[in-house]
Amino acid sequence: MKFFRDIIAPILVGLAVFALFQVTVGTFKVYGTSMLPGIEQGDYILVSKATYFFNEPQRGNMIVFHSPRDTNTDLIKRIIAVPGDTVEIKNNTVFVNDIPLSEPYILEAPKYIYPRQEINANQYFVLGDNRNNSSDSHRGWTLPRENIIGKAWISYWPPYRWGLIKHYTINAGTQAVEVTESSFAMKVLCPTR
């Protein structure tokens, strides 16, 4: 009995914790500069896989997903439009449901156009924050729900960039953008005009 209590039980608990961690959290290395200025090339981040077990992805969430063009490649982008939304890019501005978005998180305004499109069920329209240097939905694809791995949570490497990843709740109806610190409930309302 002592052998089980001192050796086997701690090993079983350790394996259970490890398995739980693998199911709910993942790691991801950022390749490329599509998420500048917030996320830099070479950053390592933790991804919360559990966030979307019971909730649907929302506009403004920064997510990691399997590329719809190559499922062996994982990408990081921001959700701009959800199923049922319309999206259009013109005059250096992104419009969701015919409302121009105020986007404090982007590096620079998009210098391209994208025709008005309604987002189908179980599909998401994603863009990189570095709008003009990102292979994303403006290239003609939307993201299937099943490709989403999870919500970007914490940047943990390099050490000087350690911190919670900022998410923005985009309310296309009021043009309000709420800054949300990862999975925590801290919110700050930012005026958009």
Protein backbone atom coordinates (compact mmCIF):
# COMPACT_ATOMS: atom_id res chain seq x y z
CA MET A 1 0.00 0.00 0.00
CA LYS A 2 2.87 2.37 0.82
CA PHE A 3 4.34 1.76 -2.67
CA PHE A 4 1.05 2.76 -4.30
CA ARG A 5 0.64 5.87 -2.11
CA ASP A 6 4.26 7.04 -2.46
CA ILE A 7 5.04 6.08 -6.06
CA ILE A 8 2.04 5.12 -8.20
CA ALA A 9 -0.47 7.74 -6.93
CA PRO A 10 1.84 10.75 -7.65
CA ILE A 11 2.61 9.34 -11.10
CA LEU A 12 -1.12 8.92 -11.88
CA VAL A 13 -1.89 12.44 -10.63
CA GLY A 14 0.98 13.82 -12.74
CA LEU A 15 -0.29 12.00 -15.83
CA ALA A 16 -3.83 13.28 -15.23
CA VAL A 17 -2.59 16.88 -14.89
CA PHE A 18 -0.46 16.48 -18.02
CA ALA A 19 -3.41 15.08 -20.01
CA LEU A 20 -5.70 17.90 -18.81
CA PHE A 21 -3.07 20.47 -19.78
CA GLN A 22 -2.70 18.95 -23.27
CA VAL A 23 -6.46 19.05 -23.88
CA THR A 24 -6.99 22.61 -22.65
CA VAL A 25 -3.78 24.52 -23.47
CA GLY A 26 -1.41 24.50 -26.44
CA THR A 27 1.78 26.29 -27.40
CA PHE A 28 2.44 28.14 -30.63
CA LYS A 29 5.46 29.86 -32.18
CA VAL A 30 4.69 32.89 -34.34
CA TYR A 31 6.22 32.86 -37.81
CA GLY A 32 5.96 36.03 -39.83
CA THR A 33 4.91 39.59 -39.11
CA SER A 34 1.19 39.48 -39.91
CA MET A 35 0.16 40.32 -36.32
CA LEU A 36 2.37 43.36 -35.76
CA PRO A 37 2.32 45.53 -33.72
CA GLY A 38 0.93 43.34 -30.89
CA ILE A 39 2.55 39.98 -31.70
CA GLU A 40 6.05 39.77 -33.16
CA GLN A 41 7.83 37.14 -35.24
CA GLY A 42 9.43 34.57 -32.95
CA ASP A 43 7.03 35.11 -30.03
CA TYR A 44 5.91 31.97 -28.24
CA ILE A 45 2.35 32.01 -26.99
CA LEU A 46 0.02 29.82 -24.96
CA VAL A 47 -3.32 29.08 -26.59
CA SER A 48 -6.46 28.36 -24.60
CA LYS A 49 -8.13 25.44 -26.37
CA ALA A 50 -10.81 25.29 -23.66
CA THR A 51 -12.17 28.80 -24.38
CA TYR A 52 -14.30 27.56 -27.26
CA PHE A 53 -15.52 24.31 -25.65
CA PHE A 54 -18.66 26.13 -24.47
CA ASN A 55 -18.50 29.54 -26.21
CA GLU A 56 -18.38 30.59 -29.82
CA PRO A 57 -15.51 32.69 -31.17
CA GLN A 58 -16.28 36.43 -31.15
CA ARG A 59 -15.29 39.42 -33.26
CA GLY A 60 -11.97 40.78 -32.04
CA ASN A 61 -10.63 37.49 -30.63
CA MET A 62 -7.06 36.69 -31.62
CA ILE A 63 -7.05 32.99 -32.52
CA VAL A 64 -4.71 30.22 -33.62
CA PHE A 65 -6.04 27.89 -36.30
CA HIS A 66 -5.15 25.33 -38.96
CA SER A 67 -4.87 27.14 -42.27
CA PRO A 68 -7.77 26.27 -44.59
CA ARG A 69 -5.24 26.23 -47.44
CA ASP A 70 -2.78 23.86 -45.69
CA THR A 71 -4.01 22.13 -42.52
CA ASN A 72 -0.39 21.28 -41.59
CA THR A 73 0.24 25.01 -41.08
CA ASP A 74 -1.05 26.88 -38.05
CA LEU A 75 -1.72 30.64 -38.26
CA ILE A 76 -2.63 33.42 -35.87
CA LYS A 77 -5.14 36.14 -36.89
CA ARG A 78 -7.94 38.28 -35.47
CA ILE A 79 -11.63 37.46 -36.05
CA ILE A 80 -13.28 40.37 -37.85
CA ALA A 81 -16.63 38.89 -38.89
CA VAL A 82 -18.67 35.96 -37.60
CA PRO A 83 -21.33 33.84 -39.33
CA GLY A 84 -24.16 36.01 -40.68
CA ASP A 85 -22.09 39.22 -40.75
CA THR A 86 -21.27 41.07 -43.94
CA VAL A 87 -17.75 42.34 -44.47
CA GLU A 88 -16.31 44.78 -46.99
CA ILE A 89 -12.98 46.59 -47.25
CA LYS A 90 -12.82 49.90 -49.10
CA ASN A 91 -11.35 53.38 -48.65
CA ASN A 92 -8.68 51.98 -46.27
CA THR A 93 -11.42 50.85 -43.87
CA VAL A 94 -12.98 47.54 -42.85
CA PHE A 95 -16.78 47.55 -42.73
CA VAL A 96 -18.75 44.94 -40.79
CA ASN A 97 -22.50 45.00 -41.35
CA ASP A 98 -22.01 48.27 -43.26
CA ILE A 99 -20.46 49.97 -40.19
CA PRO A 100 -16.83 51.17 -40.44
CA LEU A 101 -14.61 49.65 -37.75
CA SER A 102 -12.29 51.71 -35.61
CA GLU A 103 -9.29 49.42 -35.16
CA PRO A 104 -6.75 50.65 -32.59
CA TYR A 105 -4.80 47.38 -32.80
CA ILE A 106 -3.69 47.51 -36.47
CA LEU A 107 -0.26 48.55 -37.75
CA GLU A 108 -1.72 50.50 -40.67
CA ALA A 109 -4.97 50.75 -42.61
CA PRO A 110 -5.56 48.25 -45.43
CA LYS A 111 -4.44 49.46 -48.85
CA TYR A 112 -6.65 47.06 -50.76
CA ILE A 113 -10.32 46.48 -51.43
CA TYR A 114 -12.48 43.47 -50.70
CA PRO A 115 -16.00 43.21 -52.14
CA ARG A 116 -18.98 42.99 -49.80
CA GLN A 117 -19.53 39.38 -48.71
CA GLU A 118 -21.84 37.66 -46.25
CA ILE A 119 -20.08 35.16 -44.01
CA ASN A 120 -21.64 31.69 -44.20
CA ALA A 121 -22.66 29.52 -41.24
CA ASN A 122 -19.69 28.00 -39.36
CA GLN A 123 -17.26 30.32 -41.18
CA TYR A 124 -15.20 33.26 -39.89
CA PHE A 125 -13.50 36.19 -41.62
CA VAL A 126 -10.01 36.73 -40.15
CA LEU A 127 -7.37 39.38 -40.78
CA GLY A 128 -3.84 39.96 -39.54
CA ASP A 129 -3.27 43.18 -37.59
CA ASN A 130 -0.50 44.04 -40.05
CA ARG A 131 -3.21 44.47 -42.70
CA ASN A 132 -0.91 44.96 -45.70
CA ASN A 133 1.45 42.09 -44.89
CA SER A 134 -0.87 39.22 -44.05
CA SER A 135 -2.15 36.18 -45.90
CA ASP A 136 -5.68 36.11 -44.55
CA SER A 137 -9.37 36.19 -45.50
CA HIS A 138 -8.94 39.20 -47.78
CA ARG A 139 -7.20 36.71 -50.13
CA GLY A 140 -10.54 35.03 -50.78
CA TRP A 141 -11.01 32.39 -48.09
CA THR A 142 -12.98 32.15 -44.87
CA LEU A 143 -12.09 30.05 -41.87
CA PRO A 144 -14.17 26.95 -41.03
CA ARG A 145 -15.10 26.69 -37.33
CA GLU A 146 -13.52 23.23 -37.06
CA ASN A 147 -10.09 24.66 -37.99
CA ILE A 148 -9.93 26.87 -34.89
CA ILE A 149 -7.49 25.54 -32.29
CA GLY A 150 -8.08 28.17 -29.61
CA LYS A 151 -7.81 31.71 -28.34
CA ALA A 152 -4.37 33.30 -27.98
CA TRP A 153 -3.80 33.72 -24.25
CA ILE A 154 -0.28 34.54 -23.01
CA SER A 155 2.95 35.55 -24.72
CA TYR A 156 5.68 33.77 -22.74
CA TRP A 157 8.85 34.09 -24.83
CA PRO A 158 11.02 36.09 -25.14
CA PRO A 159 10.83 37.08 -21.46
CA TYR A 160 10.68 40.83 -22.09
CA ARG A 161 7.46 40.29 -24.11
CA TRP A 162 5.76 38.19 -21.42
CA GLY A 163 2.15 39.12 -20.77
CA LEU A 164 -1.52 38.57 -21.46
CA ILE A 165 -2.56 38.94 -25.08
CA LYS A 166 -5.05 41.74 -25.69
CA HIS A 167 -8.34 40.90 -27.32
CA TYR A 168 -10.88 43.40 -28.56
CA THR A 169 -14.62 42.92 -28.48
CA ILE A 170 -15.81 44.62 -31.65
CA ASN A 171 -19.38 45.86 -31.53
CA ALA A 172 -20.09 46.66 -35.16
CA GLY A 173 -23.45 48.22 -34.28
CA THR A 174 -22.09 50.95 -32.01
CA GLN A 175 -18.51 51.22 -33.28
CA ALA A 176 -17.33 50.57 -29.72
CA VAL A 177 -14.19 48.58 -29.14
CA GLU A 178 -13.64 46.98 -25.74
CA VAL A 179 -10.14 45.92 -24.77
CA THR A 180 -10.22 42.54 -23.05
CA GLU A 181 -7.16 41.07 -21.37
CA SER A 182 -7.21 37.48 -22.60
CA SER A 183 -9.65 35.23 -20.72
CA PHE A 184 -9.94 37.54 -17.74
CA ALA A 185 -12.90 39.81 -17.16
CA MET A 186 -10.99 43.12 -17.14
CA LYS A 187 -12.54 45.40 -19.76
CA VAL A 188 -11.92 49.01 -20.67
CA LEU A 189 -14.29 50.83 -23.00
CA CYS A 190 -12.42 52.77 -25.67
CA PRO A 191 -14.17 55.50 -27.63
CA THR A 192 -13.94 55.01 -31.39
CA ARG A 193 -14.42 58.55 -32.62
